[in-house]
Amino acid sequence: MRLYLEMTMDKLQKLHNSVQKLETVLQEVWSLADEISEDDEFRELLKKAKQYKAKKLNSGENLDDLCEKLEEYQNSLEQIPEDGTAAVDFEDAISELIEWIEKEK
């Protein structure tokens, strides 16, 4: 039983470390997403795509592909948790589980 708990503890510790990395990466992702949303050139692309969709631009200008890619970008971005709160909560739960197992050994 003791060997089993040691293997479990090792796996939990690895999971805990990965969740800490995830939290850091999520913070970086949202920081960079904020930067790109403030980028003048990127904002110009968004404006151009919105105008095209609203048919304010010449119909000869083909921006369908751009609109599709920007939509995919926005949809994908919306799927990413906005902060590391869930990761922090999971990290805390793992820590508490590790502490409980160590206490009960």
N, C-alpha and C. Protein backbone atom coordinates (compact mmCIF):
# COMPACT_ATOMS: atom_id res chain seq x y z
N MET A 1 0.82 -1.20 0.00
CA MET A 1 0.00 0.00 0.00
C MET A 1 0.86 1.25 0.00
N ARG A 2 1.96 1.22 0.75
CA ARG A 2 2.84 2.39 0.85
C ARG A 2 3.44 2.74 -0.50
N LEU A 3 3.89 1.73 -1.28
CA LEU A 3 4.44 1.96 -2.61
C LEU A 3 3.38 2.57 -3.51
N TYR A 4 2.15 2.10 -3.40
CA TYR A 4 1.03 2.62 -4.19
C TYR A 4 0.83 4.10 -3.91
N LEU A 5 0.84 4.49 -2.65
CA LEU A 5 0.67 5.90 -2.29
C LEU A 5 1.83 6.74 -2.78
N GLU A 6 3.03 6.20 -2.75
CA GLU A 6 4.19 6.95 -3.23
C GLU A 6 4.08 7.23 -4.72
N MET A 7 3.62 6.24 -5.47
CA MET A 7 3.43 6.44 -6.91
C MET A 7 2.32 7.47 -7.15
N THR A 8 1.26 7.36 -6.37
CA THR A 8 0.16 8.32 -6.49
C THR A 8 0.64 9.72 -6.15
N MET A 9 1.42 9.84 -5.10
CA MET A 9 1.95 11.15 -4.69
C MET A 9 2.83 11.73 -5.79
N ASP A 10 3.65 10.92 -6.41
CA ASP A 10 4.50 11.39 -7.50
C ASP A 10 3.65 11.92 -8.66
N LYS A 11 2.61 11.18 -8.99
CA LYS A 11 1.72 11.61 -10.07
C LYS A 11 0.98 12.90 -9.71
N LEU A 12 0.52 12.99 -8.47
CA LEU A 12 -0.16 14.21 -8.02
C LEU A 12 0.79 15.41 -8.05
N GLN A 13 2.04 15.19 -7.66
CA GLN A 13 3.01 16.28 -7.66
C GLN A 13 3.29 16.75 -9.09
N LYS A 14 3.41 15.80 -10.01
CA LYS A 14 3.60 16.16 -11.43
C LYS A 14 2.40 16.94 -11.95
N LEU A 15 1.20 16.49 -11.59
CA LEU A 15 -0.01 17.18 -12.00
C LEU A 15 -0.03 18.60 -11.42
N HIS A 16 0.34 18.73 -10.17
CA HIS A 16 0.39 20.03 -9.50
C HIS A 16 1.35 20.96 -10.24
N ASN A 17 2.52 20.46 -10.59
CA ASN A 17 3.51 21.27 -11.33
C ASN A 17 2.97 21.69 -12.69
N SER A 18 2.29 20.78 -13.36
CA SER A 18 1.72 21.10 -14.67
C SER A 18 0.63 22.17 -14.56
N VAL A 19 -0.18 22.08 -13.54
CA VAL A 19 -1.24 23.08 -13.35
C VAL A 19 -0.62 24.45 -13.06
N GLN A 20 0.47 24.49 -12.32
CA GLN A 20 1.17 25.76 -12.08
C GLN A 20 1.65 26.33 -13.40
N LYS A 21 2.20 25.49 -14.27
CA LYS A 21 2.65 25.95 -15.59
C LYS A 21 1.47 26.45 -16.41
N LEU A 22 0.35 25.73 -16.33
CA LEU A 22 -0.85 26.13 -17.06
C LEU A 22 -1.30 27.53 -16.64
N GLU A 23 -1.28 27.78 -15.35
CA GLU A 23 -1.68 29.10 -14.85
C GLU A 23 -0.78 30.19 -15.43
N THR A 24 0.51 29.94 -15.45
CA THR A 24 1.46 30.90 -16.01
C THR A 24 1.22 31.13 -17.50
N VAL A 25 0.99 30.04 -18.22
CA VAL A 25 0.75 30.13 -19.66
C VAL A 25 -0.55 30.88 -19.95
N LEU A 26 -1.60 30.62 -19.17
CA LEU A 26 -2.86 31.33 -19.37
C LEU A 26 -2.68 32.84 -19.17
N GLN A 27 -1.91 33.20 -18.16
CA GLN A 27 -1.65 34.62 -17.93
C GLN A 27 -0.91 35.23 -19.12
N GLU A 28 0.06 34.50 -19.66
CA GLU A 28 0.81 34.98 -20.81
C GLU A 28 -0.07 35.10 -22.05
N VAL A 29 -0.91 34.09 -22.27
CA VAL A 29 -1.81 34.10 -23.43
C VAL A 29 -2.70 35.33 -23.38
N TRP A 30 -3.33 35.60 -22.26
CA TRP A 30 -4.25 36.73 -22.17
C TRP A 30 -3.52 38.07 -22.22
N SER A 31 -2.31 38.11 -21.72
CA SER A 31 -1.52 39.34 -21.83
C SER A 31 -1.22 39.63 -23.30
N LEU A 32 -0.82 38.61 -24.03
CA LEU A 32 -0.52 38.78 -25.46
C LEU A 32 -1.79 39.04 -26.27
N ALA A 33 -2.89 38.41 -25.89
CA ALA A 33 -4.16 38.67 -26.59
C ALA A 33 -4.58 40.12 -26.38
N ASP A 34 -4.36 40.64 -25.18
CA ASP A 34 -4.66 42.06 -24.92
C ASP A 34 -3.77 42.96 -25.78
N GLU A 35 -2.50 42.60 -25.87
CA GLU A 35 -1.56 43.39 -26.68
C GLU A 35 -2.00 43.42 -28.15
N ILE A 36 -2.36 42.26 -28.68
CA ILE A 36 -2.73 42.22 -30.10
C ILE A 36 -4.03 42.97 -30.34
N SER A 37 -4.93 42.95 -29.37
CA SER A 37 -6.20 43.67 -29.56
C SER A 37 -5.99 45.18 -29.54
N GLU A 38 -4.87 45.63 -29.00
CA GLU A 38 -4.55 47.06 -28.97
C GLU A 38 -3.63 47.48 -30.12
N ASP A 39 -3.19 46.51 -30.90
CA ASP A 39 -2.29 46.76 -32.02
C ASP A 39 -3.04 47.47 -33.14
N ASP A 40 -2.52 48.59 -33.59
CA ASP A 40 -3.18 49.40 -34.62
C ASP A 40 -3.41 48.63 -35.92
N GLU A 41 -2.43 47.89 -36.36
CA GLU A 41 -2.57 47.14 -37.61
C GLU A 41 -3.63 46.05 -37.48
N PHE A 42 -3.65 45.37 -36.34
CA PHE A 42 -4.66 44.33 -36.13
C PHE A 42 -6.05 44.95 -36.06
N ARG A 43 -6.16 46.08 -35.40
CA ARG A 43 -7.45 46.78 -35.32
C ARG A 43 -7.92 47.21 -36.72
N GLU A 44 -6.98 47.58 -37.56
CA GLU A 44 -7.32 47.97 -38.93
C GLU A 44 -7.86 46.77 -39.70
N LEU A 45 -7.25 45.60 -39.49
CA LEU A 45 -7.77 44.37 -40.12
C LEU A 45 -9.19 44.09 -39.66
N LEU A 46 -9.43 44.22 -38.37
CA LEU A 46 -10.78 43.99 -37.84
C LEU A 46 -11.78 44.97 -38.44
N LYS A 47 -11.37 46.21 -38.53
CA LYS A 47 -12.25 47.25 -39.09
C LYS A 47 -12.58 46.94 -40.54
N LYS A 48 -11.55 46.56 -41.28
CA LYS A 48 -11.73 46.24 -42.70
C LYS A 48 -12.68 45.07 -42.86
N ALA A 49 -12.52 44.06 -42.03
CA ALA A 49 -13.39 42.88 -42.11
C ALA A 49 -14.83 43.24 -41.74
N LYS A 50 -15.01 44.05 -40.71
CA LYS A 50 -16.36 44.47 -40.31
C LYS A 50 -17.02 45.29 -41.41
N GLN A 51 -16.28 46.18 -42.02
CA GLN A 51 -16.82 46.99 -43.11
C GLN A 51 -17.21 46.10 -44.28
N TYR A 52 -16.38 45.14 -44.58
CA TYR A 52 -16.67 44.21 -45.68
C TYR A 52 -17.95 43.44 -45.40
N LYS A 53 -18.06 42.94 -44.16
CA LYS A 53 -19.26 42.18 -43.79
C LYS A 53 -20.51 43.05 -43.89
N ALA A 54 -20.36 44.31 -43.58
CA ALA A 54 -21.51 45.23 -43.63
C ALA A 54 -21.71 45.76 -45.05
N LYS A 55 -20.91 45.27 -46.00
CA LYS A 55 -20.99 45.64 -47.41
C LYS A 55 -20.72 47.13 -47.66
N LYS A 56 -19.84 47.69 -46.82
CA LYS A 56 -19.48 49.09 -47.00
C LYS A 56 -18.31 49.25 -47.97
N LEU A 57 -17.62 48.15 -48.22
CA LEU A 57 -16.48 48.20 -49.14
C LEU A 57 -16.91 47.74 -50.53
N ASN A 58 -16.08 48.01 -51.50
CA ASN A 58 -16.33 47.55 -52.87
C ASN A 58 -16.50 46.03 -52.87
N SER A 59 -17.47 45.57 -53.62
CA SER A 59 -17.70 44.13 -53.66
C SER A 59 -16.57 43.38 -54.37
N GLY A 60 -15.76 44.10 -55.10
CA GLY A 60 -14.64 43.48 -55.79
C GLY A 60 -13.53 43.07 -54.86
N GLU A 61 -13.50 43.62 -53.67
CA GLU A 61 -12.45 43.29 -52.71
C GLU A 61 -12.85 42.03 -51.96
N ASN A 62 -12.08 40.97 -52.14
CA ASN A 62 -12.43 39.68 -51.55
C ASN A 62 -11.78 39.54 -50.17
N LEU A 63 -12.59 39.70 -49.16
CA LEU A 63 -12.10 39.57 -47.80
C LEU A 63 -12.77 38.42 -47.06
N ASP A 64 -13.42 37.54 -47.81
CA ASP A 64 -14.09 36.39 -47.18
C ASP A 64 -13.12 35.57 -46.34
N ASP A 65 -11.95 35.31 -46.90
CA ASP A 65 -10.97 34.49 -46.19
C ASP A 65 -10.53 35.18 -44.90
N LEU A 66 -10.28 36.49 -44.96
CA LEU A 66 -9.89 37.24 -43.77
C LEU A 66 -10.99 37.19 -42.71
N CYS A 67 -12.22 37.40 -43.12
CA CYS A 67 -13.35 37.36 -42.19
C CYS A 67 -13.45 36.00 -41.51
N GLU A 68 -13.27 34.96 -42.30
CA GLU A 68 -13.35 33.60 -41.77
C GLU A 68 -12.23 33.35 -40.74
N LYS A 69 -11.02 33.79 -41.07
CA LYS A 69 -9.90 33.57 -40.16
C LYS A 69 -10.04 34.40 -38.88
N LEU A 70 -10.52 35.62 -39.00
CA LEU A 70 -10.73 36.45 -37.81
C LEU A 70 -11.84 35.88 -36.93
N GLU A 71 -12.87 35.32 -37.55
CA GLU A 71 -13.94 34.68 -36.79
C GLU A 71 -13.41 33.46 -36.04
N GLU A 72 -12.61 32.67 -36.74
CA GLU A 72 -12.01 31.49 -36.12
C GLU A 72 -11.11 31.90 -34.95
N TYR A 73 -10.33 32.96 -35.15
CA TYR A 73 -9.46 33.49 -34.10
C TYR A 73 -10.30 33.87 -32.87
N GLN A 74 -11.35 34.64 -33.09
CA GLN A 74 -12.19 35.11 -31.98
C GLN A 74 -12.87 33.95 -31.28
N ASN A 75 -13.41 33.00 -32.05
CA ASN A 75 -14.07 31.83 -31.45
C ASN A 75 -13.10 31.00 -30.63
N SER A 76 -11.89 30.82 -31.13
CA SER A 76 -10.89 30.05 -30.40
C SER A 76 -10.46 30.77 -29.14
N LEU A 77 -10.29 32.07 -29.25
CA LEU A 77 -9.89 32.87 -28.09
C LEU A 77 -10.94 32.79 -26.99
N GLU A 78 -12.20 32.79 -27.37
CA GLU A 78 -13.28 32.72 -26.40
C GLU A 78 -13.31 31.39 -25.65
N GLN A 79 -12.69 30.36 -26.20
CA GLN A 79 -12.67 29.05 -25.55
C GLN A 79 -11.60 28.95 -24.46
N ILE A 80 -10.68 29.90 -24.44
CA ILE A 80 -9.59 29.87 -23.47
C ILE A 80 -10.06 30.55 -22.19
N PRO A 81 -9.90 29.90 -21.05
CA PRO A 81 -10.30 30.55 -19.79
C PRO A 81 -9.61 31.91 -19.65
N GLU A 82 -10.38 32.91 -19.21
CA GLU A 82 -9.87 34.28 -19.19
C GLU A 82 -8.83 34.53 -18.10
N ASP A 83 -8.85 33.73 -17.08
CA ASP A 83 -7.83 33.91 -16.06
C ASP A 83 -7.44 32.55 -15.52
N GLY A 84 -6.51 32.55 -14.63
CA GLY A 84 -6.04 31.29 -14.09
C GLY A 84 -6.83 30.83 -12.88
N THR A 85 -8.01 31.41 -12.65
CA THR A 85 -8.77 31.07 -11.45
C THR A 85 -9.06 29.58 -11.36
N ALA A 86 -9.52 28.99 -12.45
CA ALA A 86 -9.82 27.56 -12.44
C ALA A 86 -8.55 26.76 -12.19
N ALA A 87 -7.44 27.19 -12.79
CA ALA A 87 -6.17 26.50 -12.59
C ALA A 87 -5.72 26.62 -11.14
N VAL A 88 -5.89 27.81 -10.56
CA VAL A 88 -5.51 28.03 -9.15
C VAL A 88 -6.36 27.15 -8.24
N ASP A 89 -7.66 27.10 -8.50
CA ASP A 89 -8.55 26.27 -7.69
C ASP A 89 -8.16 24.79 -7.79
N PHE A 90 -7.84 24.36 -9.00
CA PHE A 90 -7.43 22.97 -9.20
C PHE A 90 -6.10 22.71 -8.48
N GLU A 91 -5.18 23.67 -8.61
CA GLU A 91 -3.88 23.56 -7.93
C GLU A 91 -4.08 23.43 -6.42
N ASP A 92 -4.96 24.25 -5.86
CA ASP A 92 -5.25 24.19 -4.42
C ASP A 92 -5.84 22.84 -4.03
N ALA A 93 -6.75 22.34 -4.86
CA ALA A 93 -7.37 21.04 -4.57
C ALA A 93 -6.33 19.92 -4.59
N ILE A 94 -5.42 19.99 -5.52
CA ILE A 94 -4.35 18.98 -5.60
C ILE A 94 -3.46 19.08 -4.37
N SER A 95 -3.09 20.30 -3.99
CA SER A 95 -2.25 20.50 -2.80
C SER A 95 -2.91 19.94 -1.56
N GLU A 96 -4.19 20.19 -1.42
CA GLU A 96 -4.92 19.69 -0.25
C GLU A 96 -4.98 18.17 -0.26
N LEU A 97 -5.13 17.58 -1.43
CA LEU A 97 -5.14 16.13 -1.54
C LEU A 97 -3.78 15.55 -1.17
N ILE A 98 -2.72 16.17 -1.66
CA ILE A 98 -1.37 15.73 -1.34
C ILE A 98 -1.14 15.81 0.17
N GLU A 99 -1.53 16.93 0.76
CA GLU A 99 -1.36 17.10 2.22
C GLU A 99 -2.13 16.04 2.99
N TRP A 100 -3.36 15.73 2.55
CA TRP A 100 -4.16 14.73 3.24
C TRP A 100 -3.49 13.37 3.17
N ILE A 101 -3.01 13.01 1.98
CA ILE A 101 -2.35 11.69 1.82
C ILE A 101 -1.11 11.62 2.70
N GLU A 102 -0.31 12.69 2.69
CA GLU A 102 0.91 12.70 3.52
C GLU A 102 0.57 12.56 5.00
N LYS A 103 -0.48 13.21 5.42
CA LYS A 103 -0.90 13.16 6.83
C LYS A 103 -1.38 11.76 7.20
N GLU A 104 -2.05 11.08 6.26
CA GLU A 104 -2.63 9.78 6.53
C GLU A 104 -1.66 8.62 6.35
N LYS A 105 -0.46 8.87 5.82
CA LYS A 105 0.51 7.80 5.58
C LYS A 105 0.87 7.10 6.85
